[in-house]
Protein backbone atom coordinates (compact mmCIF):
# COMPACT_ATOMS: atom_id res chain seq x y z
CA UNK A 1 2.84 -9.03 46.01
CA UNK A 2 0.67 -5.44 46.69
CA UNK A 3 -2.56 -4.08 45.38
CA UNK A 4 -3.47 -1.71 42.46
CA UNK A 5 -6.18 0.76 43.28
CA UNK A 6 -7.54 2.36 39.97
CA UNK A 7 -9.01 5.73 41.21
CA UNK A 8 -11.34 8.53 39.96
CA UNK A 9 -9.78 11.65 40.88
CA UNK A 10 -12.92 13.61 40.38
CA UNK A 11 -13.33 16.31 37.64
CA UNK A 12 -11.13 19.06 38.98
CA UNK A 13 -12.36 20.33 42.32
CA UNK A 14 -10.35 18.77 45.22
CA UNK A 15 -13.76 18.97 47.32
CA UNK A 16 -15.49 16.71 44.73
CA UNK A 17 -12.89 13.77 45.53
CA UNK A 18 -14.79 10.67 47.46
CA UNK A 19 -13.84 9.98 51.06
CA UNK A 20 -12.75 6.71 49.92
CA UNK A 21 -10.51 8.07 47.24
CA UNK A 22 -8.93 10.43 49.65
CA UNK A 23 -8.03 7.59 52.18
CA UNK A 24 -6.61 5.53 49.78
CA UNK A 25 -4.09 8.56 48.38
CA UNK A 26 -2.97 9.07 51.98
CA UNK A 27 -1.95 5.92 52.26
CA UNK A 28 -0.52 5.30 48.74
CA UNK A 29 3.32 4.12 48.45
CA UNK A 30 3.13 5.18 44.41
CA UNK A 31 0.67 7.15 42.58
CA UNK A 32 0.84 7.23 38.79
CA UNK A 33 -1.20 9.96 37.47
CA UNK A 34 -2.81 11.72 34.30
CA UNK A 35 -2.50 15.03 33.06
CA UNK A 36 -6.36 16.33 34.41
CA UNK A 37 -5.81 15.17 37.83
CA UNK A 38 -6.26 18.05 39.92
CA UNK A 39 -2.61 19.17 41.49
CA UNK A 40 -4.55 20.09 44.91
CA UNK A 41 -5.73 16.40 44.73
CA UNK A 42 -2.25 15.34 44.56
CA UNK A 43 -1.27 17.00 47.62
CA UNK A 44 -3.33 14.39 49.65
CA UNK A 45 -0.51 12.14 49.06
CA UNK A 46 1.94 11.20 52.00
CA UNK A 47 5.38 12.97 51.65
CA UNK A 48 7.28 10.09 50.80
CA UNK A 49 4.98 8.64 48.16
CA UNK A 50 6.83 8.55 45.04
CA UNK A 51 4.49 10.20 42.21
CA UNK A 52 5.22 9.65 38.72
CA UNK A 53 3.34 11.42 35.60
CA UNK A 54 1.95 9.19 33.08
CA UNK A 55 -0.99 11.54 31.42
CA UNK A 56 -1.44 12.70 27.85
CA UNK A 57 -3.24 16.08 26.67
CA UNK A 58 -3.86 16.73 22.89
CA UNK A 59 -2.90 13.19 21.67
CA UNK A 60 0.62 13.57 23.19
CA UNK A 61 1.72 10.74 25.52
CA UNK A 62 4.16 10.94 28.34
CA UNK A 63 4.24 7.05 28.21
CA UNK A 64 2.33 4.80 25.67
CA UNK A 65 -0.44 2.65 27.24
CA UNK A 66 1.57 -0.74 27.51
CA UNK A 67 4.37 0.91 29.59
CA UNK A 68 1.87 2.16 32.05
CA UNK A 69 0.80 -1.56 32.19
CA UNK A 70 3.89 -2.82 32.78
CA UNK A 71 5.06 -0.03 35.41
CA UNK A 72 1.80 -0.96 37.86
CA UNK A 73 2.88 -4.50 37.56
CA UNK A 74 6.55 -3.50 39.06
CA UNK A 75 5.19 -1.57 41.36
CA UNK A 76 2.71 -4.12 42.48
CA UNK A 77 5.41 -6.31 43.04
CA UNK A 78 7.59 -4.10 45.25
CA UNK A 79 5.18 -1.91 46.93
CA UNK A 80 1.74 -2.57 48.76
CA UNK A 81 -0.47 0.17 47.93
CA UNK A 82 -0.10 1.13 44.23
CA UNK A 83 -2.77 3.88 42.85
CA UNK A 84 -3.47 4.63 39.34
CA UNK A 85 -5.30 8.01 39.58
CA UNK A 86 -7.28 9.28 36.65
CA UNK A 87 -9.41 12.20 35.98
CA UNK A 88 -12.96 12.06 36.45
CA UNK A 89 -13.88 8.06 36.43
CA UNK A 90 -11.44 5.46 35.65
CA UNK A 91 -14.00 3.68 33.65
CA UNK A 92 -15.12 6.98 31.51
CA UNK A 93 -12.75 7.20 28.91
CA UNK A 94 -9.58 6.36 31.42
CA UNK A 95 -8.55 3.09 30.13
CA UNK A 96 -9.26 1.74 33.02
CA UNK A 97 -10.86 -1.38 31.77
CA UNK A 98 -7.63 -1.96 30.03
CA UNK A 99 -5.68 -1.76 32.81
CA UNK A 100 -7.34 -3.77 34.89
CA UNK A 101 -7.79 -6.65 32.34
CA UNK A 102 -4.27 -6.49 32.08
CA UNK A 103 -3.50 -7.10 36.18
CA UNK A 104 -5.85 -9.38 36.58
CA UNK A 105 -4.18 -11.55 33.85
CA UNK A 106 -0.76 -11.05 35.66
CA UNK A 107 -2.46 -11.82 39.05
CA UNK A 108 -2.46 -8.37 40.51
CA UNK A 109 -5.40 -7.94 43.05
CA UNK A 110 -7.23 -4.51 41.91
CA UNK A 111 -9.76 -2.52 43.06
CA UNK A 112 -11.94 0.05 41.42
CA UNK A 113 -12.54 3.56 43.30
CA UNK A 114 -15.40 5.29 41.25
CA UNK A 115 -14.97 9.06 40.74
CA UNK A 116 -17.03 11.99 39.47
CA UNK A 117 -17.25 12.01 35.96
CA UNK A 118 -16.77 15.34 34.57
CA UNK A 119 -19.39 14.28 31.77
CA UNK A 120 -22.22 14.79 34.51
CA UNK A 121 -20.05 17.53 36.98
CA UNK A 122 -19.53 19.64 34.09
CA UNK A 123 -22.84 20.16 33.02
CA UNK A 124 -24.11 20.30 36.36
CA UNK A 125 -21.55 22.76 37.19
CA UNK A 126 -22.82 24.99 34.53
CA UNK A 127 -26.50 24.38 35.73
CA UNK A 128 -27.20 22.43 33.02
CA UNK A 129 -29.19 19.04 33.93
CA UNK A 130 -28.69 16.04 31.57
CA UNK A 131 -32.11 14.86 31.98
CA UNK A 132 -34.97 16.86 33.01
CA UNK A 133 -38.80 16.40 33.27
CA UNK A 134 -40.88 17.47 29.85
CA UNK A 135 -37.36 17.95 27.92
CA UNK A 136 -34.73 15.00 28.32
CA UNK A 137 -35.27 11.70 29.31
CA UNK A 138 -32.41 10.47 27.94
CA UNK A 139 -28.62 11.27 27.77
CA UNK A 140 -25.28 9.68 26.35
CA UNK A 141 -21.62 10.38 26.97
CA UNK A 142 -19.74 9.68 23.60
CA UNK A 143 -16.17 10.50 22.72
CA UNK A 144 -15.28 13.26 20.36
CA UNK A 145 -11.83 12.27 19.96
CA UNK A 146 -10.77 13.07 16.25
CA UNK A 147 -8.80 9.71 15.97
CA UNK A 148 -11.78 7.81 16.90
CA UNK A 149 -14.48 6.66 14.54
CA UNK A 150 -17.99 7.50 15.77
CA UNK A 151 -21.22 6.94 14.23
CA UNK A 152 -22.95 10.32 14.77
CA UNK A 153 -26.21 8.89 13.50
CA UNK A 154 -26.86 6.77 16.59
CA UNK A 155 -27.00 9.73 18.78
CA UNK A 156 -29.45 11.58 16.73
CA UNK A 157 -32.31 11.12 18.77
CA UNK A 158 -30.54 11.42 22.44
CA UNK A 159 -32.12 14.20 23.92
CA UNK A 160 -29.00 15.56 25.99
CA UNK A 161 -25.19 14.30 24.31
CA UNK A 162 -22.16 14.94 26.35
CA UNK A 163 -19.01 14.86 24.37
CA UNK A 164 -15.89 14.52 26.12
CA UNK A 165 -12.19 15.19 24.15
CA UNK A 166 -14.15 16.92 21.32
CA UNK A 167 -12.97 20.60 21.57
CA UNK A 168 -10.43 20.02 18.61
CA UNK A 169 -13.14 18.36 16.45
CA UNK A 170 -16.25 20.31 17.44
CA UNK A 171 -17.02 21.85 14.08
CA UNK A 172 -16.96 18.48 12.08
CA UNK A 173 -18.91 17.21 15.13
CA UNK A 174 -21.65 19.75 14.39
CA UNK A 175 -21.84 19.07 10.73
CA UNK A 176 -21.79 15.28 11.45
CA UNK A 177 -24.87 16.02 14.02
CA UNK A 178 -26.65 17.97 11.56
CA UNK A 179 -26.33 15.43 8.75
CA UNK A 180 -27.68 13.00 11.20
CA UNK A 181 -30.84 14.64 11.52
CA UNK A 182 -30.35 17.13 14.66
CA UNK A 183 -31.72 20.38 14.52
CA UNK A 184 -29.13 23.20 13.50
CA UNK A 185 -30.76 25.49 16.13
CA UNK A 186 -30.40 23.17 18.78
CA UNK A 187 -28.28 24.77 21.88
CA UNK A 188 -24.90 23.58 22.31
CA UNK A 189 -22.31 24.44 25.40
CA UNK A 190 -18.84 24.11 26.46
CA UNK A 191 -17.86 24.07 30.03
CA UNK A 192 -13.92 24.63 30.38
CA UNK A 193 -12.00 23.43 33.01
CA UNK A 194 -15.29 22.66 35.23
CA UNK A 195 -15.55 22.74 38.76
CA UNK A 196 -12.41 24.86 38.73
CA UNK A 197 -12.02 28.83 39.46
CA UNK A 198 -10.97 29.29 36.19
CA UNK A 199 -14.38 27.56 34.72
CA UNK A 200 -15.98 29.06 31.82
CA UNK A 201 -18.94 28.44 29.59
CA UNK A 202 -19.39 29.36 25.77
CA UNK A 203 -22.75 28.97 24.13
CA UNK A 204 -23.45 28.54 20.71
CA UNK A 205 -25.77 26.61 18.45
CA UNK A 206 -24.88 23.69 15.97
CA UNK A 207 -25.45 25.41 13.27
CA UNK A 208 -23.36 28.28 14.25
CA UNK A 209 -20.60 25.66 15.31
CA UNK A 210 -20.67 23.83 12.09
CA UNK A 211 -20.18 27.32 10.50
CA UNK A 212 -18.07 29.38 12.25
CA UNK A 213 -16.61 27.48 15.71
CA UNK A 214 -16.35 29.90 18.58
CA UNK A 215 -13.04 29.75 20.40
CA UNK A 216 -12.91 27.00 23.04
CA UNK A 217 -9.74 25.85 25.76
CA UNK A 218 -9.25 22.83 26.47
CA UNK A 219 -9.94 20.48 28.56
CA UNK A 220 -13.92 21.52 27.87
CA UNK A 221 -16.96 19.09 27.80
CA UNK A 222 -19.52 19.92 24.97
CA UNK A 223 -23.09 19.53 25.59
CA UNK A 224 -25.69 19.19 22.92
CA UNK A 225 -29.46 19.46 23.71
CA UNK A 226 -32.47 21.54 24.70
CA UNK A 227 -31.43 21.57 28.65
CA UNK A 228 -28.16 23.84 27.90
CA UNK A 229 -30.64 26.73 27.72
CA UNK A 230 -31.63 25.92 31.27
CA UNK A 231 -28.28 26.83 32.25
CA UNK A 232 -27.49 29.60 30.00
CA UNK A 233 -30.77 31.17 31.75
CA UNK A 234 -29.51 30.94 35.18
CA UNK A 235 -26.10 32.06 34.26
CA UNK A 236 -27.03 35.07 32.42
CA UNK A 237 -28.16 36.60 35.92
CA UNK A 238 -24.08 36.57 36.74
CA UNK A 239 -24.67 34.59 39.71
CA UNK A 240 -22.46 31.61 39.31
CA UNK A 241 -19.04 33.47 38.91
CA UNK A 242 -19.03 34.53 42.21
CA UNK A 243 -20.48 31.35 43.99
CA UNK A 244 -17.50 29.58 42.44
CA UNK A 245 -14.86 31.85 43.64
CA UNK A 246 -16.45 32.10 46.73
CA UNK A 247 -16.51 28.07 47.15
CA UNK A 248 -12.97 27.85 46.33
CA UNK A 249 -11.94 30.71 48.86
CA UNK A 250 -13.67 29.39 51.68
């Protein structure tokens, strides 16, 4: 029986892939990958590697999670190295824990290869530190998926709030956070397609978001907190777009 690797593919920029993930992809016999995995990262696989898309976007699944689990089991019985490749980190809203438990119950050897999560990389790429001395000593990462119940009052006093999968539900999230006690004047940022040449930042406030939400394209990470103003100030000088484009052209 082969081994299954749960691999984090990073936030988008192929240069943010870990060296270990790169090595395993070069050796993989099969790769089952998600929608948010960079196509540049997929190019690191062998020409004869079997690549299978099993992702989902906007709630549309190409395969149910149960079928993905069984595919991993099936391939582990045939191939030596099976990779489950996910955007970001496999254990940050990536269902990596579910796959780990299923495979271990079936006696399959599993190795987890952590990845750079967009929960931190997206704010960083927009010059927004999730913690900052004298401004933010705590941060939390929460799902904004419209089909999942979240107790937003639990996040009323967290300094920096990073919300993944929250674009579609952004107006309701803002209203819930204000109802929970957060300041309507608190700054909010959306970072679209973070760490890629197509990255775009949208700035607003919780109050504006609750009343008239700006247009935001997916995938995007939502950040709430005073630290957002640090990124907005840096980006106002217009240097970020050029630096990103230069990095990807190098």
